[in-house]
């Protein structure tokens, strides 16, 4: 298993992998429909989206954690 000290990198990897997969598929189908080569269109879009999403999530996640902490009430 991976050492817990790498939590931020592993979290960013899986979050970007799954979100870029879902979003690129939905946007690809929205833009071109269910055409015969939708799988290739989607995989190309997914590869590009993942390359953008991974560093973006890695850089933005600390800010998101801080914002969540500000929004959520601490239990008493």
N, C-alpha and C. Protein backbone atom coordinates (compact mmCIF):
# COMPACT_ATOMS: atom_id res chain seq x y z
N UNK A 1 0.84 -1.19 0.00
CA UNK A 1 0.00 0.00 0.00
C UNK A 1 0.88 1.25 0.00
N UNK A 2 0.25 2.34 -0.29
CA UNK A 2 0.97 3.62 -0.37
C UNK A 2 0.97 4.27 1.01
N UNK A 3 2.08 4.88 1.34
CA UNK A 3 2.24 5.56 2.63
C UNK A 3 1.21 6.71 2.74
N UNK A 4 0.55 6.84 3.90
CA UNK A 4 -0.45 7.90 4.09
C UNK A 4 0.08 9.32 3.91
N UNK A 5 1.39 9.51 3.98
CA UNK A 5 1.93 10.85 3.79
C UNK A 5 1.72 11.34 2.35
N UNK A 6 1.39 10.42 1.44
CA UNK A 6 1.13 10.76 0.05
C UNK A 6 -0.37 10.94 -0.24
N UNK A 7 -1.13 11.15 0.81
CA UNK A 7 -2.59 11.26 0.69
C UNK A 7 -3.01 12.30 -0.35
N UNK A 8 -2.40 13.47 -0.31
CA UNK A 8 -2.81 14.56 -1.20
C UNK A 8 -2.59 14.18 -2.67
N UNK A 9 -1.48 13.53 -2.98
CA UNK A 9 -1.20 13.14 -4.36
C UNK A 9 -2.15 12.04 -4.81
N UNK A 10 -2.37 11.04 -3.96
CA UNK A 10 -3.26 9.93 -4.30
C UNK A 10 -4.69 10.42 -4.45
N UNK A 11 -5.12 11.29 -3.52
CA UNK A 11 -6.46 11.88 -3.62
C UNK A 11 -6.61 12.64 -4.93
N UNK A 12 -5.65 13.47 -5.26
CA UNK A 12 -5.70 14.26 -6.49
C UNK A 12 -5.74 13.37 -7.72
N UNK A 13 -4.96 12.29 -7.70
CA UNK A 13 -4.94 11.37 -8.83
C UNK A 13 -6.32 10.75 -9.07
N UNK A 14 -6.89 10.16 -8.03
CA UNK A 14 -8.17 9.48 -8.21
C UNK A 14 -9.31 10.45 -8.47
N UNK A 15 -9.30 11.60 -7.81
CA UNK A 15 -10.35 12.59 -8.05
C UNK A 15 -10.28 13.08 -9.49
N UNK A 16 -9.10 13.40 -9.96
CA UNK A 16 -8.97 13.88 -11.33
C UNK A 16 -9.27 12.79 -12.35
N UNK A 17 -8.88 11.56 -12.06
CA UNK A 17 -9.16 10.45 -12.96
C UNK A 17 -10.66 10.26 -13.14
N UNK A 18 -11.38 10.20 -12.03
CA UNK A 18 -12.82 9.95 -12.10
C UNK A 18 -13.60 11.16 -12.63
N UNK A 19 -13.28 12.35 -12.16
CA UNK A 19 -14.02 13.52 -12.60
C UNK A 19 -13.76 13.82 -14.08
N UNK A 20 -12.51 13.70 -14.52
CA UNK A 20 -12.23 13.95 -15.93
C UNK A 20 -12.88 12.90 -16.82
N UNK A 21 -12.96 11.67 -16.34
CA UNK A 21 -13.64 10.60 -17.07
C UNK A 21 -15.12 10.94 -17.27
N UNK A 22 -15.79 11.25 -16.19
CA UNK A 22 -17.22 11.52 -16.24
C UNK A 22 -17.51 12.77 -17.06
N UNK A 23 -16.81 13.86 -16.75
CA UNK A 23 -17.08 15.13 -17.42
C UNK A 23 -16.73 15.09 -18.90
N UNK A 24 -15.61 14.48 -19.27
CA UNK A 24 -15.24 14.41 -20.68
C UNK A 24 -16.24 13.57 -21.47
N UNK A 25 -16.75 12.50 -20.87
CA UNK A 25 -17.76 11.69 -21.56
C UNK A 25 -19.04 12.48 -21.78
N UNK A 26 -19.52 13.12 -20.73
CA UNK A 26 -20.77 13.89 -20.84
C UNK A 26 -20.62 15.02 -21.86
N UNK A 27 -19.53 15.74 -21.80
CA UNK A 27 -19.32 16.85 -22.73
C UNK A 27 -19.13 16.35 -24.16
N UNK A 28 -18.44 15.24 -24.34
CA UNK A 28 -18.27 14.67 -25.68
C UNK A 28 -19.61 14.27 -26.27
N UNK A 29 -20.43 13.58 -25.51
CA UNK A 29 -21.75 13.16 -25.99
C UNK A 29 -22.62 14.39 -26.25
N UNK A 30 -22.56 15.37 -25.39
CA UNK A 30 -23.33 16.60 -25.57
C UNK A 30 -22.94 17.30 -26.87
N UNK A 31 -21.64 17.36 -27.16
CA UNK A 31 -21.17 18.08 -28.34
C UNK A 31 -21.39 17.35 -29.66
N UNK A 32 -21.19 16.03 -29.68
CA UNK A 32 -21.28 15.31 -30.96
C UNK A 32 -22.35 14.23 -30.98
N UNK A 33 -22.95 13.90 -29.85
CA UNK A 33 -23.95 12.85 -29.79
C UNK A 33 -23.30 11.47 -29.77
N UNK A 34 -24.14 10.45 -29.86
CA UNK A 34 -23.63 9.07 -29.86
C UNK A 34 -23.27 8.67 -31.29
N UNK A 35 -22.19 9.23 -31.79
CA UNK A 35 -21.72 8.90 -33.14
C UNK A 35 -20.92 7.60 -33.09
N UNK A 36 -20.59 7.09 -34.27
CA UNK A 36 -19.91 5.78 -34.32
C UNK A 36 -18.54 5.78 -33.66
N UNK A 37 -17.84 6.89 -33.66
CA UNK A 37 -16.50 6.94 -33.06
C UNK A 37 -16.48 7.70 -31.73
N UNK A 38 -17.59 7.67 -31.01
CA UNK A 38 -17.67 8.42 -29.75
C UNK A 38 -16.63 7.94 -28.73
N UNK A 39 -16.30 6.67 -28.74
CA UNK A 39 -15.32 6.15 -27.78
C UNK A 39 -13.95 6.79 -28.02
N UNK A 40 -13.53 6.89 -29.26
CA UNK A 40 -12.23 7.50 -29.56
C UNK A 40 -12.25 8.99 -29.26
N UNK A 41 -13.34 9.66 -29.57
CA UNK A 41 -13.48 11.09 -29.27
C UNK A 41 -13.39 11.29 -27.77
N UNK A 42 -14.11 10.46 -27.02
CA UNK A 42 -14.13 10.56 -25.56
C UNK A 42 -12.75 10.27 -24.96
N UNK A 43 -12.09 9.21 -25.42
CA UNK A 43 -10.78 8.86 -24.86
C UNK A 43 -9.76 9.97 -25.10
N UNK A 44 -9.81 10.59 -26.28
CA UNK A 44 -8.91 11.70 -26.58
C UNK A 44 -9.20 12.88 -25.65
N UNK A 45 -10.49 13.18 -25.46
CA UNK A 45 -10.89 14.27 -24.57
C UNK A 45 -10.51 13.94 -23.13
N UNK A 46 -10.68 12.69 -22.73
CA UNK A 46 -10.37 12.28 -21.36
C UNK A 46 -8.88 12.44 -21.07
N UNK A 47 -8.04 12.02 -22.02
CA UNK A 47 -6.59 12.14 -21.83
C UNK A 47 -6.20 13.60 -21.61
N UNK A 48 -6.74 14.48 -22.44
CA UNK A 48 -6.44 15.90 -22.29
C UNK A 48 -6.98 16.44 -20.97
N UNK A 49 -8.22 16.08 -20.63
CA UNK A 49 -8.85 16.57 -19.40
C UNK A 49 -8.09 16.10 -18.17
N UNK A 50 -7.60 14.87 -18.18
CA UNK A 50 -6.86 14.36 -17.03
C UNK A 50 -5.55 15.12 -16.84
N UNK A 51 -4.86 15.42 -17.93
CA UNK A 51 -3.60 16.15 -17.85
C UNK A 51 -3.81 17.54 -17.24
N UNK A 52 -4.95 18.14 -17.50
CA UNK A 52 -5.28 19.44 -16.92
C UNK A 52 -5.79 19.28 -15.49
N UNK A 53 -6.66 18.29 -15.27
CA UNK A 53 -7.34 18.12 -13.98
C UNK A 53 -6.40 17.73 -12.85
N UNK A 54 -5.43 16.87 -13.11
CA UNK A 54 -4.57 16.39 -12.02
C UNK A 54 -3.80 17.52 -11.34
N UNK A 55 -3.05 18.34 -12.07
CA UNK A 55 -2.37 19.44 -11.37
C UNK A 55 -3.34 20.47 -10.81
N UNK A 56 -4.46 20.68 -11.50
CA UNK A 56 -5.45 21.65 -11.00
C UNK A 56 -6.00 21.22 -9.65
N UNK A 57 -6.39 19.97 -9.54
CA UNK A 57 -6.94 19.47 -8.27
C UNK A 57 -5.85 19.45 -7.20
N UNK A 58 -4.64 19.06 -7.58
CA UNK A 58 -3.54 19.05 -6.61
C UNK A 58 -3.30 20.44 -6.04
N UNK A 59 -3.37 21.46 -6.88
CA UNK A 59 -3.11 22.83 -6.43
C UNK A 59 -4.30 23.45 -5.70
N UNK A 60 -5.51 23.10 -6.10
CA UNK A 60 -6.71 23.74 -5.55
C UNK A 60 -7.24 23.04 -4.30
N UNK A 61 -6.95 21.78 -4.10
CA UNK A 61 -7.53 21.03 -2.99
C UNK A 61 -7.26 21.63 -1.61
N UNK A 62 -6.08 22.17 -1.31
CA UNK A 62 -5.90 22.80 0.00
C UNK A 62 -6.84 23.98 0.23
N UNK A 63 -7.05 24.77 -0.82
CA UNK A 63 -7.98 25.89 -0.72
C UNK A 63 -9.40 25.40 -0.49
N UNK A 64 -9.78 24.34 -1.18
CA UNK A 64 -11.13 23.78 -1.01
C UNK A 64 -11.31 23.26 0.41
N UNK A 65 -10.31 22.59 0.96
CA UNK A 65 -10.39 22.10 2.34
C UNK A 65 -10.58 23.27 3.31
N UNK A 66 -9.88 24.37 3.08
CA UNK A 66 -10.03 25.55 3.95
C UNK A 66 -11.43 26.15 3.82
N UNK A 67 -11.94 26.23 2.59
CA UNK A 67 -13.28 26.77 2.38
C UNK A 67 -14.34 25.88 3.05
N UNK A 68 -14.18 24.59 2.94
CA UNK A 68 -15.12 23.66 3.60
C UNK A 68 -15.08 23.85 5.10
N UNK A 69 -13.90 24.02 5.65
CA UNK A 69 -13.76 24.24 7.10
C UNK A 69 -14.46 25.54 7.53
N UNK A 70 -14.40 26.55 6.69
CA UNK A 70 -15.07 27.82 7.01
C UNK A 70 -16.59 27.69 6.95
N UNK A 71 -17.07 26.88 6.03
CA UNK A 71 -18.51 26.75 5.82
C UNK A 71 -19.15 25.82 6.84
N UNK A 72 -18.45 24.75 7.21
CA UNK A 72 -19.02 23.78 8.14
C UNK A 72 -18.89 24.26 9.58
N UNK A 73 -19.94 23.98 10.33
CA UNK A 73 -19.92 24.32 11.76
C UNK A 73 -19.18 23.23 12.53
N UNK A 74 -18.36 23.64 13.44
CA UNK A 74 -17.68 22.65 14.28
C UNK A 74 -18.66 22.08 15.28
N UNK A 75 -18.57 20.78 15.54
CA UNK A 75 -19.46 20.18 16.54
C UNK A 75 -19.04 20.60 17.93
N UNK A 76 -20.03 20.80 18.76
CA UNK A 76 -19.74 21.29 20.13
C UNK A 76 -19.59 20.18 21.11
